Amino acid sequence: MLRFLLTAALIFSFDLVCNAQSERTAPTTNLSAGSSTATFKSSPAFAEVVLRKTELEAELESLLINYTEEFPKVMEMRFESESLKKAILLISAIKTDESSKLTLALGKLMVRKAELETDLWNLRKKYDDNHPDVKRARRKIQVYESAIKEILKG
């Protein structure tokens, strides 16, 4: 139920933001530049990454009522949120003519990669880089990075 409410709120807020931005900006003669932004923001990959980022931010806000920024779970959530911001930047760099690559599967891969990067970040706080768990976590991330690159390249 919470996921449904977050999704509905996310869709509603994007609609408001898009409408507000379109009202403030003057019409442009370069239609491909304007449609590029709309294309990636309407993609399933973007929606999946933003959904996870929104869920994190909602959880983070509830934690910050009782805890400080130094609380381990707060720091972990901030780290994952930053990883998701990088994924959003990667999605936004896709050209309009390649927007068919921005699938739900790509979004899920990016979300999972951010989760794995957070796991690695936590492991590195405990162990040396040569620890088997750290090596295993790095390898998992590499597998996801390869899959993401393959989708975006192909």
C-alpha atoms as a PDB file:
ATOM      1  CA  MET A   1       0.000   0.000   0.000  1.00  0.00           C
ATOM      2  CA  LEU A   2       2.847   2.381   0.895  1.00  0.00           C
ATOM      3  CA  ARG A   3       4.559   1.640  -2.423  1.00  0.00           C
ATOM      4  CA  PHE A   4       1.324   2.442  -4.268  1.00  0.00           C
ATOM      5  CA  LEU A   5       0.928   5.738  -2.400  1.00  0.00           C
ATOM      6  CA  LEU A   6       4.542   6.690  -3.056  1.00  0.00           C
ATOM      7  CA  THR A   7       4.145   5.858  -6.744  1.00  0.00           C
ATOM      8  CA  ALA A   8       0.963   7.919  -6.986  1.00  0.00           C
ATOM      9  CA  ALA A   9       2.597  10.837  -5.183  1.00  0.00           C
ATOM     10  CA  LEU A  10       5.637  10.564  -7.436  1.00  0.00           C
ATOM     11  CA  ILE A  11       3.571  10.624 -10.615  1.00  0.00           C
ATOM     12  CA  PHE A  12       1.515  13.545  -9.353  1.00  0.00           C
ATOM     13  CA  SER A  13       4.602  15.550  -8.348  1.00  0.00           C
ATOM     14  CA  PHE A  14       6.321  14.921 -11.702  1.00  0.00           C
ATOM     15  CA  ASP A  15       3.220  16.093 -13.491  1.00  0.00           C
ATOM     16  CA  LEU A  16       3.189  19.281 -11.420  1.00  0.00           C
ATOM     17  CA  VAL A  17       6.898  19.907 -11.966  1.00  0.00           C
ATOM     18  CA  CYS A  18       6.666  19.286 -15.698  1.00  0.00           C
ATOM     19  CA  ASN A  19       3.644  21.576 -16.020  1.00  0.00           C
ATOM     20  CA  ALA A  20       5.303  24.305 -13.960  1.00  0.00           C
ATOM     21  CA  GLN A  21       8.497  24.088 -15.994  1.00  0.00           C
ATOM     22  CA  SER A  22       6.662  24.169 -19.310  1.00  0.00           C
ATOM     23  CA  GLU A  23       4.731  27.253 -18.213  1.00  0.00           C
ATOM     24  CA  ARG A  24       7.918  29.074 -17.157  1.00  0.00           C
ATOM     25  CA  THR A  25      10.044  28.281 -20.190  1.00  0.00           C
ATOM     26  CA  ALA A  26       9.605  29.992 -23.504  1.00  0.00           C
ATOM     27  CA  PRO A  27       8.851  27.848 -26.530  1.00  0.00           C
ATOM     28  CA  THR A  28      11.968  26.606 -28.261  1.00  0.00           C
ATOM     29  CA  THR A  29      12.587  26.032 -31.922  1.00  0.00           C
ATOM     30  CA  ASN A  30      14.779  23.026 -31.166  1.00  0.00           C
ATOM     31  CA  LEU A  31      12.142  20.370 -30.581  1.00  0.00           C
ATOM     32  CA  SER A  32      14.631  17.561 -30.103  1.00  0.00           C
ATOM     33  CA  ALA A  33      16.179  19.244 -27.037  1.00  0.00           C
ATOM     34  CA  GLY A  34      12.803  19.694 -25.361  1.00  0.00           C
ATOM     35  CA  SER A  35      11.649  16.194 -26.179  1.00  0.00           C
ATOM     36  CA  SER A  36      14.909  14.719 -24.907  1.00  0.00           C
ATOM     37  CA  THR A  37      14.122  15.810 -21.363  1.00  0.00           C
ATOM     38  CA  ALA A  38      10.546  14.638 -21.642  1.00  0.00           C
ATOM     39  CA  THR A  39      11.670  11.331 -23.152  1.00  0.00           C
ATOM     40  CA  PHE A  40      14.015  10.278 -20.383  1.00  0.00           C
ATOM     41  CA  LYS A  41      11.699  11.568 -17.647  1.00  0.00           C
ATOM     42  CA  SER A  42       8.824   9.537 -19.040  1.00  0.00           C
ATOM     43  CA  SER A  43      10.889   6.370 -19.297  1.00  0.00           C
ATOM     44  CA  PRO A  44      10.332   3.293 -17.140  1.00  0.00           C
ATOM     45  CA  ALA A  45      14.029   3.306 -16.121  1.00  0.00           C
ATOM     46  CA  PHE A  46      13.808   6.857 -14.794  1.00  0.00           C
ATOM     47  CA  ALA A  47      10.560   6.098 -12.959  1.00  0.00           C
ATOM     48  CA  GLU A  48      12.066   3.025 -11.278  1.00  0.00           C
ATOM     49  CA  VAL A  49      15.163   4.880 -10.076  1.00  0.00           C
ATOM     50  CA  VAL A  50      13.170   7.889  -8.883  1.00  0.00           C
ATOM     51  CA  LEU A  51      10.706   5.607  -7.111  1.00  0.00           C
ATOM     52  CA  ARG A  52      13.520   4.013  -5.098  1.00  0.00           C
ATOM     53  CA  LYS A  53      15.078   7.414  -4.404  1.00  0.00           C
ATOM     54  CA  THR A  54      11.710   8.716  -3.185  1.00  0.00           C
ATOM     55  CA  GLU A  55      11.234   5.693  -0.938  1.00  0.00           C
ATOM     56  CA  LEU A  56      14.679   6.303   0.555  1.00  0.00           C
ATOM     57  CA  GLU A  57      13.985   9.991   1.114  1.00  0.00           C
ATOM     58  CA  ALA A  58      10.674   9.220   2.825  1.00  0.00           C
ATOM     59  CA  GLU A  59      12.357   6.696   5.131  1.00  0.00           C
ATOM     60  CA  LEU A  60      15.176   9.129   5.756  1.00  0.00           C
ATOM     61  CA  GLU A  61      12.788  11.889   6.792  1.00  0.00           C
ATOM     62  CA  SER A  62      11.143   9.590   9.315  1.00  0.00           C
ATOM     63  CA  LEU A  63      14.531   8.576  10.729  1.00  0.00           C
ATOM     64  CA  LEU A  64      15.682  12.171  11.051  1.00  0.00           C
ATOM     65  CA  ILE A  65      12.863  12.853  13.496  1.00  0.00           C
ATOM     66  CA  ASN A  66      14.658  10.734  16.100  1.00  0.00           C
ATOM     67  CA  TYR A  67      18.252  10.479  14.844  1.00  0.00           C
ATOM     68  CA  THR A  68      21.056  12.748  13.645  1.00  0.00           C
ATOM     69  CA  GLU A  69      22.938  12.768  10.352  1.00  0.00           C
ATOM     70  CA  GLU A  70      25.680  10.699  12.006  1.00  0.00           C
ATOM     71  CA  PHE A  71      23.337   7.776  12.700  1.00  0.00           C
ATOM     72  CA  PRO A  72      24.649   4.790  10.646  1.00  0.00           C
ATOM     73  CA  LYS A  73      21.337   4.067   8.895  1.00  0.00           C
ATOM     74  CA  VAL A  74      20.969   7.746   7.937  1.00  0.00           C
ATOM     75  CA  MET A  75      24.487   7.776   6.486  1.00  0.00           C
ATOM     76  CA  GLU A  76      23.786   4.556   4.604  1.00  0.00           C
ATOM     77  CA  MET A  77      20.590   5.953   3.106  1.00  0.00           C
ATOM     78  CA  ARG A  78      22.360   9.141   2.059  1.00  0.00           C
ATOM     79  CA  PHE A  79      25.034   7.065   0.336  1.00  0.00           C
ATOM     80  CA  GLU A  80      22.462   5.018  -1.588  1.00  0.00           C
ATOM     81  CA  SER A  81      20.595   8.183  -2.535  1.00  0.00           C
ATOM     82  CA  GLU A  82      23.796   9.619  -4.018  1.00  0.00           C
ATOM     83  CA  SER A  83      24.294   6.422  -6.038  1.00  0.00           C
ATOM     84  CA  LEU A  84      20.769   6.790  -7.384  1.00  0.00           C
ATOM     85  CA  LYS A  85      21.451  10.419  -8.330  1.00  0.00           C
ATOM     86  CA  LYS A  86      24.363   9.167 -10.450  1.00  0.00           C
ATOM     87  CA  ALA A  87      22.030   6.685 -12.126  1.00  0.00           C
ATOM     88  CA  ILE A  88      19.588   9.493 -12.906  1.00  0.00           C
ATOM     89  CA  LEU A  89      22.416  11.493 -14.488  1.00  0.00           C
ATOM     90  CA  LEU A  90      23.349   8.483 -16.598  1.00  0.00           C
ATOM     91  CA  ILE A  91      19.741   8.085 -17.732  1.00  0.00           C
ATOM     92  CA  SER A  92      19.463  11.783 -18.551  1.00  0.00           C
ATOM     93  CA  ALA A  93      22.536  11.557 -20.794  1.00  0.00           C
ATOM     94  CA  ILE A  94      20.833   9.102 -23.159  1.00  0.00           C
ATOM     95  CA  LYS A  95      20.013  10.609 -26.529  1.00  0.00           C
ATOM     96  CA  THR A  96      16.403  10.842 -27.643  1.00  0.00           C
ATOM     97  CA  ASP A  97      16.904   8.407 -30.508  1.00  0.00           C
ATOM     98  CA  GLU A  98      18.190   5.816 -28.003  1.00  0.00           C
ATOM     99  CA  SER A  99      15.350   6.240 -25.514  1.00  0.00           C
ATOM    100  CA  SER A 100      14.083   2.714 -26.206  1.00  0.00           C
ATOM    101  CA  LYS A 101      16.988   1.510 -24.064  1.00  0.00           C
ATOM    102  CA  LEU A 102      15.452   3.131 -20.974  1.00  0.00           C
ATOM    103  CA  THR A 103      13.429   0.078 -19.973  1.00  0.00           C
ATOM    104  CA  LEU A 104      12.128  -1.043 -16.615  1.00  0.00           C
ATOM    105  CA  ALA A 105      14.821  -3.744 -16.592  1.00  0.00           C
ATOM    106  CA  LEU A 106      17.509  -1.062 -16.894  1.00  0.00           C
ATOM    107  CA  GLY A 107      15.950   0.861 -14.027  1.00  0.00           C
ATOM    108  CA  LYS A 108      15.866  -2.269 -11.872  1.00  0.00           C
ATOM    109  CA  LEU A 109      19.515  -2.982 -12.680  1.00  0.00           C
ATOM    110  CA  MET A 110      20.463   0.555 -11.655  1.00  0.00           C
ATOM    111  CA  VAL A 111      18.507   0.362  -8.410  1.00  0.00           C
ATOM    112  CA  ARG A 112      20.080  -2.975  -7.524  1.00  0.00           C
ATOM    113  CA  LYS A 113      23.547  -1.651  -8.366  1.00  0.00           C
ATOM    114  CA  ALA A 114      23.004   1.274  -5.980  1.00  0.00           C
ATOM    115  CA  GLU A 115      21.975  -1.185  -3.257  1.00  0.00           C
ATOM    116  CA  LEU A 116      25.092  -3.273  -3.903  1.00  0.00           C
ATOM    117  CA  GLU A 117      27.296  -0.169  -3.818  1.00  0.00           C
ATOM    118  CA  THR A 118      25.808   0.639  -0.429  1.00  0.00           C
ATOM    119  CA  ASP A 119      26.549  -2.890   0.768  1.00  0.00           C
ATOM    120  CA  LEU A 120      30.151  -2.503  -0.415  1.00  0.00           C
ATOM    121  CA  TRP A 121      30.412   0.862   1.355  1.00  0.00           C
ATOM    122  CA  ASN A 122      29.299  -0.802   4.590  1.00  0.00           C
ATOM    123  CA  LEU A 123      31.723  -3.705   4.134  1.00  0.00           C
ATOM    124  CA  ARG A 124      34.631  -1.329   3.539  1.00  0.00           C
ATOM    125  CA  LYS A 125      33.948   0.285   6.894  1.00  0.00           C
ATOM    126  CA  LYS A 126      34.547  -3.114   8.544  1.00  0.00           C
ATOM    127  CA  TYR A 127      37.062  -4.876   6.331  1.00  0.00           C
ATOM    128  CA  ASP A 128      40.162  -4.341   4.242  1.00  0.00           C
ATOM    129  CA  ASP A 129      39.782  -4.232   0.431  1.00  0.00           C
ATOM    130  CA  ASN A 130      41.398  -7.678   0.232  1.00  0.00           C
ATOM    131  CA  HIS A 131      38.751  -9.294   2.410  1.00  0.00           C
ATOM    132  CA  PRO A 132      36.774 -11.980   0.525  1.00  0.00           C
ATOM    133  CA  ASP A 133      33.424 -10.316   1.276  1.00  0.00           C
ATOM    134  CA  VAL A 134      34.665  -7.002  -0.124  1.00  0.00           C
ATOM    135  CA  LYS A 135      36.017  -8.709  -3.239  1.00  0.00           C
ATOM    136  CA  ARG A 136      32.738 -10.568  -3.709  1.00  0.00           C
ATOM    137  CA  ALA A 137      30.724  -7.359  -3.355  1.00  0.00           C
ATOM    138  CA  ARG A 138      32.947  -5.539  -5.857  1.00  0.00           C
ATOM    139  CA  ARG A 139      32.530  -8.376  -8.341  1.00  0.00           C
ATOM    140  CA  LYS A 140      28.733  -8.244  -8.023  1.00  0.00           C
ATOM    141  CA  ILE A 141      28.813  -4.526  -8.763  1.00  0.00           C
ATOM    142  CA  GLN A 142      30.986  -5.159 -11.820  1.00  0.00           C
ATOM    143  CA  VAL A 143      28.448  -7.679 -13.120  1.00  0.00           C
ATOM    144  CA  TYR A 144      25.660  -5.109 -12.810  1.00  0.00           C
ATOM    145  CA  GLU A 145      27.815  -2.373 -14.372  1.00  0.00           C
ATOM    146  CA  SER A 146      28.541  -4.671 -17.329  1.00  0.00           C
ATOM    147  CA  ALA A 147      24.860  -5.411 -17.821  1.00  0.00           C
ATOM    148  CA  ILE A 148      23.977  -1.699 -17.685  1.00  0.00           C
ATOM    149  CA  LYS A 149      26.740  -0.839 -20.171  1.00  0.00           C
ATOM    150  CA  GLU A 150      25.612  -3.626 -22.480  1.00  0.00           C
ATOM    151  CA  ILE A 151      22.065  -2.299 -22.540  1.00  0.00           C
ATOM    152  CA  LEU A 152      23.146   1.287 -23.101  1.00  0.00           C
ATOM    153  CA  LYS A 153      25.716   0.353 -25.731  1.00  0.00           C
ATOM    154  CA  GLY A 154      23.619  -2.122 -27.696  1.00  0.00           C
END
